[in-house]
């Protein structure tokens, strides 16, 4: 069901949306949408104090949110959006997107390795602490934390 502000008889490219309709559709606050405007990522038309969003802005908002879900920075997202605007060529944008995704994947893999190393270190220290408590306290170990139960 289209938002109430969309013009039903008009082609999709002529559809307009209010900030409230977009906020509702994407489960955002209007303040968040205005923030993306302030960052130069969205540029609605203005009719007095009223913001009028067209399909272009709706698609850009959708892409911004997708980029955020992937963990991209606003700078990276803006760079991708601007690249498309300049060239009007999806090929350049897709090539850049693949580059950004590869960098993001590398960062995540490194973070996962770092987390695995820290978790192994924590497990080692916990084993050592429990061993030392058993040695000092006559065999009674410290309770196992809830987060460790069931592993």
N, C-alpha and C. Protein backbone atom coordinates (compact mmCIF):
# COMPACT_ATOMS: atom_id res chain seq x y z
N UNK A 1 0.85 -1.18 0.00
CA UNK A 1 0.00 0.00 0.00
C UNK A 1 0.89 1.23 0.00
N UNK A 2 0.72 2.14 -0.98
CA UNK A 2 1.57 3.33 -1.04
C UNK A 2 1.26 4.27 0.10
N UNK A 3 2.23 5.07 0.50
CA UNK A 3 1.97 6.04 1.57
C UNK A 3 0.89 7.01 1.12
N UNK A 4 0.11 7.55 2.05
CA UNK A 4 -0.99 8.43 1.69
C UNK A 4 -0.54 9.66 0.92
N UNK A 5 0.72 10.07 1.09
CA UNK A 5 1.17 11.28 0.41
C UNK A 5 1.57 11.03 -1.04
N UNK A 6 1.72 9.75 -1.42
CA UNK A 6 2.10 9.47 -2.81
C UNK A 6 0.91 9.79 -3.72
N UNK A 7 1.20 10.38 -4.85
CA UNK A 7 0.13 10.68 -5.80
C UNK A 7 -0.18 9.41 -6.56
N UNK A 8 -1.35 8.85 -6.37
CA UNK A 8 -1.67 7.54 -6.92
C UNK A 8 -1.79 7.51 -8.42
N UNK A 9 -2.28 8.54 -9.03
CA UNK A 9 -2.50 8.54 -10.46
C UNK A 9 -1.22 8.83 -11.24
N UNK A 10 -0.21 9.35 -10.56
CA UNK A 10 1.02 9.76 -11.23
C UNK A 10 1.95 8.56 -11.38
N UNK A 11 2.81 8.57 -12.40
CA UNK A 11 3.82 7.52 -12.52
C UNK A 11 4.73 7.53 -11.30
N UNK A 12 5.41 6.42 -11.06
CA UNK A 12 6.26 6.29 -9.86
C UNK A 12 7.30 7.40 -9.78
N UNK A 13 7.83 7.84 -10.91
CA UNK A 13 8.86 8.87 -10.88
C UNK A 13 8.30 10.23 -10.46
N UNK A 14 6.99 10.42 -10.56
CA UNK A 14 6.36 11.66 -10.14
C UNK A 14 5.78 11.59 -8.74
N UNK A 15 5.89 10.44 -8.09
CA UNK A 15 5.35 10.28 -6.75
C UNK A 15 6.09 11.20 -5.79
N UNK A 16 5.37 11.73 -4.83
CA UNK A 16 5.99 12.57 -3.81
C UNK A 16 5.67 12.00 -2.44
N UNK A 17 6.54 12.32 -1.50
CA UNK A 17 6.41 11.80 -0.15
C UNK A 17 6.68 12.93 0.83
N UNK A 18 6.02 12.87 1.96
CA UNK A 18 6.32 13.80 3.04
C UNK A 18 7.44 13.19 3.90
N UNK A 19 8.04 14.00 4.72
CA UNK A 19 9.08 13.48 5.61
C UNK A 19 8.48 12.46 6.57
N UNK A 20 7.25 12.70 6.99
CA UNK A 20 6.58 11.76 7.91
C UNK A 20 6.32 10.42 7.24
N UNK A 21 5.91 10.45 5.98
CA UNK A 21 5.65 9.20 5.25
C UNK A 21 6.92 8.39 5.10
N UNK A 22 8.03 9.05 4.78
CA UNK A 22 9.31 8.33 4.65
C UNK A 22 9.78 7.81 6.00
N UNK A 23 9.61 8.62 7.03
CA UNK A 23 10.00 8.18 8.37
C UNK A 23 9.22 6.93 8.76
N UNK A 24 7.94 6.92 8.47
CA UNK A 24 7.11 5.76 8.78
C UNK A 24 7.52 4.56 7.95
N UNK A 25 7.71 4.75 6.66
CA UNK A 25 8.07 3.64 5.76
C UNK A 25 9.37 2.97 6.18
N UNK A 26 10.36 3.76 6.58
CA UNK A 26 11.68 3.21 6.90
C UNK A 26 11.93 3.07 8.41
N UNK A 27 10.89 3.31 9.21
CA UNK A 27 10.99 3.20 10.67
C UNK A 27 12.13 4.08 11.22
N UNK A 28 12.13 5.33 10.78
CA UNK A 28 13.11 6.32 11.21
C UNK A 28 12.39 7.47 11.89
N UNK A 29 13.16 8.32 12.51
CA UNK A 29 12.58 9.56 13.01
C UNK A 29 12.76 10.62 11.93
N UNK A 30 11.92 11.64 11.97
CA UNK A 30 12.09 12.74 11.02
C UNK A 30 13.41 13.45 11.27
N UNK A 31 13.86 13.43 12.51
CA UNK A 31 15.15 14.05 12.84
C UNK A 31 16.30 13.34 12.11
N UNK A 32 16.22 12.02 12.00
CA UNK A 32 17.25 11.26 11.28
C UNK A 32 17.27 11.65 9.81
N UNK A 33 16.11 11.78 9.22
CA UNK A 33 16.03 12.16 7.81
C UNK A 33 16.60 13.57 7.62
N UNK A 34 16.26 14.47 8.52
CA UNK A 34 16.82 15.83 8.43
C UNK A 34 18.34 15.81 8.60
N UNK A 35 18.84 14.91 9.45
CA UNK A 35 20.29 14.77 9.61
C UNK A 35 20.94 14.39 8.27
N UNK A 36 20.35 13.43 7.55
CA UNK A 36 20.89 13.03 6.25
C UNK A 36 20.82 14.19 5.25
N UNK A 37 19.81 15.02 5.39
CA UNK A 37 19.75 16.24 4.57
C UNK A 37 20.91 17.17 4.92
N UNK A 38 21.12 17.39 6.21
CA UNK A 38 22.20 18.26 6.65
C UNK A 38 23.56 17.76 6.17
N UNK A 39 23.69 16.46 6.03
CA UNK A 39 24.93 15.86 5.55
C UNK A 39 25.07 15.92 4.03
N UNK A 40 24.04 16.45 3.35
CA UNK A 40 24.08 16.57 1.90
C UNK A 40 23.75 15.29 1.17
N UNK A 41 23.16 14.34 1.86
CA UNK A 41 22.87 13.05 1.25
C UNK A 41 21.46 13.01 0.64
N UNK A 42 20.60 13.88 1.12
CA UNK A 42 19.23 14.00 0.60
C UNK A 42 18.98 15.47 0.29
N UNK A 43 18.21 15.72 -0.75
CA UNK A 43 17.91 17.11 -1.12
C UNK A 43 16.45 17.21 -1.58
N UNK A 44 15.53 17.28 -0.62
CA UNK A 44 14.13 17.40 -1.02
C UNK A 44 13.83 18.78 -1.59
N UNK A 45 12.77 18.83 -2.35
CA UNK A 45 12.30 20.14 -2.83
C UNK A 45 11.66 20.84 -1.63
N UNK A 46 11.63 22.14 -1.71
CA UNK A 46 11.00 22.91 -0.63
C UNK A 46 9.82 23.67 -1.22
N UNK A 47 8.72 23.58 -0.54
CA UNK A 47 7.53 24.39 -0.85
C UNK A 47 7.20 25.13 0.42
N UNK A 48 7.78 26.30 0.54
CA UNK A 48 7.65 27.03 1.80
C UNK A 48 8.44 26.28 2.85
N UNK A 49 7.78 25.91 3.93
CA UNK A 49 8.44 25.14 5.00
C UNK A 49 8.29 23.64 4.79
N UNK A 50 7.51 23.24 3.81
CA UNK A 50 7.23 21.83 3.55
C UNK A 50 8.34 21.20 2.71
N UNK A 51 8.80 20.04 3.14
CA UNK A 51 9.77 19.26 2.36
C UNK A 51 8.99 18.30 1.47
N UNK A 52 9.35 18.27 0.20
CA UNK A 52 8.71 17.36 -0.75
C UNK A 52 9.78 16.42 -1.29
N UNK A 53 9.60 15.14 -0.99
CA UNK A 53 10.56 14.13 -1.41
C UNK A 53 10.02 13.41 -2.63
N UNK A 54 10.88 13.20 -3.59
CA UNK A 54 10.52 12.46 -4.79
C UNK A 54 11.14 11.05 -4.69
N UNK A 55 10.87 10.26 -5.70
CA UNK A 55 11.36 8.87 -5.71
C UNK A 55 12.89 8.83 -5.58
N UNK A 56 13.59 9.79 -6.18
CA UNK A 56 15.06 9.83 -6.09
C UNK A 56 15.51 9.87 -4.63
N UNK A 57 14.88 10.71 -3.83
CA UNK A 57 15.27 10.83 -2.42
C UNK A 57 14.89 9.57 -1.65
N UNK A 58 13.75 8.98 -2.00
CA UNK A 58 13.33 7.73 -1.34
C UNK A 58 14.35 6.63 -1.61
N UNK A 59 14.81 6.51 -2.85
CA UNK A 59 15.80 5.49 -3.20
C UNK A 59 17.12 5.78 -2.50
N UNK A 60 17.52 7.05 -2.47
CA UNK A 60 18.77 7.41 -1.79
C UNK A 60 18.69 7.07 -0.30
N UNK A 61 17.55 7.32 0.32
CA UNK A 61 17.37 6.99 1.73
C UNK A 61 17.49 5.47 1.93
N UNK A 62 16.88 4.72 1.04
CA UNK A 62 16.97 3.26 1.10
C UNK A 62 18.43 2.80 0.99
N UNK A 63 19.19 3.41 0.09
CA UNK A 63 20.60 3.06 -0.07
C UNK A 63 21.44 3.47 1.13
N UNK A 64 21.13 4.61 1.72
CA UNK A 64 21.82 5.06 2.93
C UNK A 64 21.64 4.02 4.03
N UNK A 65 20.40 3.58 4.21
CA UNK A 65 20.11 2.62 5.27
C UNK A 65 20.77 1.27 4.99
N UNK A 66 20.82 0.87 3.73
CA UNK A 66 21.50 -0.37 3.38
C UNK A 66 22.99 -0.25 3.71
N UNK A 67 23.59 0.88 3.35
CA UNK A 67 24.99 1.10 3.68
C UNK A 67 25.25 1.06 5.17
N UNK A 68 24.37 1.66 5.95
CA UNK A 68 24.51 1.65 7.40
C UNK A 68 24.42 0.22 7.94
N UNK A 69 23.48 -0.57 7.41
CA UNK A 69 23.35 -1.97 7.84
C UNK A 69 24.63 -2.75 7.55
N UNK A 70 25.30 -2.41 6.46
CA UNK A 70 26.55 -3.09 6.10
C UNK A 70 27.73 -2.56 6.90
N UNK A 71 27.50 -1.52 7.69
CA UNK A 71 28.55 -0.97 8.53
C UNK A 71 29.41 0.06 7.84
N UNK A 72 28.94 0.60 6.73
CA UNK A 72 29.71 1.63 6.03
C UNK A 72 29.58 2.97 6.76
N UNK A 73 30.58 3.78 6.64
CA UNK A 73 30.52 5.11 7.25
C UNK A 73 29.67 6.02 6.36
N UNK A 74 29.22 7.13 6.93
CA UNK A 74 28.46 8.09 6.13
C UNK A 74 29.32 8.63 4.98
N UNK A 75 30.61 8.78 5.25
CA UNK A 75 31.51 9.25 4.19
C UNK A 75 31.52 8.26 3.02
N UNK A 76 31.63 6.97 3.33
CA UNK A 76 31.65 5.95 2.27
C UNK A 76 30.33 5.92 1.51
N UNK A 77 29.23 6.04 2.24
CA UNK A 77 27.91 6.02 1.60
C UNK A 77 27.75 7.25 0.71
N UNK A 78 28.13 8.40 1.22
CA UNK A 78 28.02 9.64 0.44
C UNK A 78 28.87 9.55 -0.83
N UNK A 79 30.06 8.99 -0.69
CA UNK A 79 30.96 8.83 -1.83
C UNK A 79 30.31 7.97 -2.92
N UNK A 80 29.66 6.90 -2.52
CA UNK A 80 28.98 6.03 -3.49
C UNK A 80 27.80 6.75 -4.15
N UNK A 81 27.02 7.46 -3.34
CA UNK A 81 25.88 8.19 -3.90
C UNK A 81 26.34 9.29 -4.85
N UNK A 82 27.38 10.01 -4.46
CA UNK A 82 27.90 11.08 -5.30
C UNK A 82 28.50 10.55 -6.59
N UNK A 83 29.13 9.40 -6.51
CA UNK A 83 29.72 8.80 -7.70
C UNK A 83 28.65 8.53 -8.75
N UNK A 84 27.50 8.06 -8.31
CA UNK A 84 26.42 7.78 -9.25
C UNK A 84 25.88 9.08 -9.85
N UNK A 85 25.76 10.11 -9.00
CA UNK A 85 25.25 11.40 -9.46
C UNK A 85 26.16 12.01 -10.53
N UNK A 86 27.47 11.90 -10.33
CA UNK A 86 28.43 12.51 -11.25
C UNK A 86 28.44 11.78 -12.59
N UNK A 87 28.50 10.45 -12.55
CA UNK A 87 28.68 9.71 -13.79
C UNK A 87 27.37 9.24 -14.41
N UNK A 88 26.32 9.15 -13.60
CA UNK A 88 25.06 8.59 -14.06
C UNK A 88 25.30 7.20 -14.67
N UNK A 89 26.37 6.57 -14.19
CA UNK A 89 26.78 5.28 -14.71
C UNK A 89 26.87 4.33 -13.53
N UNK A 90 26.07 3.32 -13.55
CA UNK A 90 26.05 2.37 -12.45
C UNK A 90 27.34 1.55 -12.39
N UNK A 91 28.01 1.39 -13.49
CA UNK A 91 29.23 0.58 -13.54
C UNK A 91 30.30 1.13 -12.59
N UNK A 92 30.56 2.42 -12.66
CA UNK A 92 31.57 3.03 -11.77
C UNK A 92 31.15 2.89 -10.32
N UNK A 93 29.87 3.09 -10.06
CA UNK A 93 29.36 2.98 -8.69
C UNK A 93 29.52 1.55 -8.18
N UNK A 94 29.19 0.56 -9.02
CA UNK A 94 29.31 -0.84 -8.60
C UNK A 94 30.76 -1.23 -8.35
N UNK A 95 31.67 -0.76 -9.19
CA UNK A 95 33.09 -1.07 -8.99
C UNK A 95 33.57 -0.48 -7.66
N UNK A 96 33.19 0.75 -7.37
CA UNK A 96 33.57 1.38 -6.10
C UNK A 96 32.92 0.65 -4.93
N UNK A 97 31.67 0.24 -5.09
CA UNK A 97 30.96 -0.47 -4.04
C UNK A 97 31.67 -1.79 -3.72
N UNK A 98 32.13 -2.50 -4.74
CA UNK A 98 32.87 -3.74 -4.52
C UNK A 98 34.15 -3.47 -3.74
N UNK A 99 34.82 -2.37 -4.06
CA UNK A 99 36.04 -1.99 -3.35
C UNK A 99 35.74 -1.69 -1.88
N UNK A 100 34.68 -0.94 -1.63
CA UNK A 100 34.30 -0.59 -0.26
C UNK A 100 33.89 -1.85 0.51
N UNK A 101 33.15 -2.74 -0.15
CA UNK A 101 32.74 -3.98 0.52
C UNK A 101 33.93 -4.86 0.86
N UNK A 102 34.91 -4.92 -0.02
CA UNK A 102 36.11 -5.72 0.26
C UNK A 102 36.85 -5.17 1.48
N UNK A 103 36.96 -3.85 1.58
CA UNK A 103 37.59 -3.24 2.74
C UNK A 103 36.80 -3.52 4.02
N UNK A 104 35.49 -3.42 3.91
CA UNK A 104 34.62 -3.68 5.07
C UNK A 104 34.76 -5.13 5.52
N UNK A 105 34.76 -6.05 4.55
CA UNK A 105 34.91 -7.47 4.87
C UNK A 105 36.25 -7.71 5.58
N UNK A 106 37.33 -7.11 5.06
CA UNK A 106 38.65 -7.29 5.67
C UNK A 106 38.66 -6.78 7.11
N UNK A 107 38.03 -5.63 7.35
CA UNK A 107 37.96 -5.10 8.73
C UNK A 107 37.19 -6.04 9.64
N UNK A 108 36.07 -6.58 9.14
CA UNK A 108 35.26 -7.49 9.95
C UNK A 108 35.99 -8.79 10.25
N UNK A 109 36.69 -9.33 9.27
CA UNK A 109 37.47 -10.55 9.48
C UNK A 109 38.54 -10.30 10.53
N UNK A 110 39.22 -9.15 10.44
CA UNK A 110 40.23 -8.82 11.43
C UNK A 110 39.61 -8.66 12.82
N UNK A 111 38.44 -8.02 12.89
CA UNK A 111 37.76 -7.87 14.18
C UNK A 111 37.38 -9.23 14.75
N UNK A 112 36.90 -10.14 13.88
CA UNK A 112 36.53 -11.47 14.36
C UNK A 112 37.76 -12.20 14.90
N UNK A 113 38.90 -12.09 14.20
CA UNK A 113 40.13 -12.71 14.67
C UNK A 113 40.56 -12.11 16.01
N UNK A 114 40.45 -10.79 16.14
CA UNK A 114 40.80 -10.12 17.39
C UNK A 114 39.89 -10.59 18.53
N UNK A 115 38.61 -10.68 18.26
CA UNK A 115 37.65 -11.13 19.27
C UNK A 115 37.93 -12.57 19.68
N UNK A 116 38.19 -13.44 18.69
CA UNK A 116 38.51 -14.84 19.00
C UNK A 116 39.76 -14.93 19.88
N UNK A 117 40.77 -14.10 19.59
CA UNK A 117 42.00 -14.11 20.39
C UNK A 117 41.72 -13.66 21.82
N UNK A 118 40.92 -12.61 21.97
CA UNK A 118 40.59 -12.11 23.31
C UNK A 118 39.76 -13.15 24.08
N UNK A 119 38.80 -13.77 23.41
CA UNK A 119 37.99 -14.80 24.08
C UNK A 119 38.85 -15.98 24.51
N UNK A 120 39.81 -16.38 23.69
CA UNK A 120 40.71 -17.48 24.07
C UNK A 120 41.55 -17.08 25.28
N UNK A 121 42.02 -15.84 25.30
CA UNK A 121 42.81 -15.35 26.43
C UNK A 121 41.96 -15.33 27.70
N UNK A 122 40.72 -14.86 27.59
CA UNK A 122 39.81 -14.83 28.75
C UNK A 122 39.59 -16.25 29.27
N UNK A 123 39.35 -17.20 28.38
CA UNK A 123 39.12 -18.59 28.79
C UNK A 123 40.35 -19.14 29.50
N UNK A 124 41.52 -18.81 28.99
CA UNK A 124 42.76 -19.27 29.62
C UNK A 124 42.93 -18.69 31.02
N UNK A 125 42.69 -17.40 31.16
CA UNK A 125 42.82 -16.75 32.46
C UNK A 125 41.78 -17.31 33.43
N UNK A 126 40.54 -17.52 32.95
CA UNK A 126 39.51 -18.09 33.82
C UNK A 126 39.90 -19.50 34.29
N UNK A 127 40.42 -20.33 33.38
CA UNK A 127 40.85 -21.69 33.77
C UNK A 127 41.94 -21.60 34.84
N UNK A 128 42.88 -20.70 34.63
CA UNK A 128 43.97 -20.55 35.59
C UNK A 128 43.43 -20.09 36.95
N UNK A 129 42.53 -19.13 36.94
CA UNK A 129 41.95 -18.64 38.20
C UNK A 129 41.19 -19.75 38.92
N UNK A 130 40.40 -20.53 38.19
CA UNK A 130 39.64 -21.63 38.82
C UNK A 130 40.59 -22.68 39.38
N UNK A 131 41.66 -22.99 38.63
CA UNK A 131 42.64 -23.98 39.08
C UNK A 131 43.29 -23.51 40.38
N UNK A 132 43.65 -22.23 40.42
CA UNK A 132 44.30 -21.70 41.62
C UNK A 132 43.34 -21.64 42.80
N UNK A 133 42.06 -21.33 42.53
CA UNK A 133 41.07 -21.32 43.63
C UNK A 133 40.88 -22.73 44.18
N UNK A 134 40.83 -23.72 43.30
CA UNK A 134 40.67 -25.10 43.77
C UNK A 134 41.88 -25.51 44.62
N UNK A 135 43.06 -25.11 44.17
CA UNK A 135 44.28 -25.47 44.90
C UNK A 135 44.31 -24.82 46.28
N UNK A 136 43.82 -23.62 46.39
CA UNK A 136 43.84 -22.90 47.67
C UNK A 136 42.65 -23.24 48.55
N UNK A 137 41.51 -23.52 47.95
CA UNK A 137 40.30 -23.65 48.75
C UNK A 137 39.82 -25.06 48.97
N UNK A 138 40.63 -26.01 48.76
CA UNK A 138 40.21 -27.37 49.06
C UNK A 138 39.30 -27.97 48.01
N UNK A 139 39.44 -27.58 46.79
CA UNK A 139 38.71 -28.26 45.73
C UNK A 139 37.45 -27.57 45.26
N UNK A 140 37.04 -26.52 45.92
CA UNK A 140 35.81 -25.85 45.53
C UNK A 140 36.13 -24.70 44.57
N UNK A 141 35.61 -24.78 43.35
CA UNK A 141 35.88 -23.76 42.33
C UNK A 141 34.86 -22.63 42.41
N UNK A 142 35.23 -21.51 41.84
CA UNK A 142 34.31 -20.38 41.76
C UNK A 142 33.15 -20.74 40.84
N UNK A 143 31.97 -20.15 41.09
CA UNK A 143 30.82 -20.44 40.23
C UNK A 143 31.09 -20.02 38.78
N UNK A 144 30.48 -20.75 37.86
CA UNK A 144 30.63 -20.44 36.44
C UNK A 144 29.65 -19.35 36.08
N UNK A 145 30.10 -18.25 35.45
CA UNK A 145 29.18 -17.16 35.07
C UNK A 145 28.08 -17.66 34.13
N UNK A 146 26.93 -17.00 34.19
CA UNK A 146 25.80 -17.38 33.34
C UNK A 146 26.17 -17.43 31.87
N UNK A 147 27.01 -16.49 31.43
CA UNK A 147 27.38 -16.42 30.02
C UNK A 147 28.16 -17.67 29.60
N UNK A 148 28.82 -18.35 30.54
CA UNK A 148 29.61 -19.53 30.23
C UNK A 148 28.79 -20.82 30.30
N UNK A 149 27.66 -20.78 30.99
CA UNK A 149 26.84 -21.99 31.13
C UNK A 149 26.21 -22.36 29.80
N UNK A 150 26.15 -23.60 29.53
CA UNK A 150 25.53 -24.08 28.31
C UNK A 150 26.45 -24.08 27.12
N UNK A 151 27.70 -23.74 27.29
CA UNK A 151 28.66 -23.77 26.16
C UNK A 151 29.26 -25.13 26.05
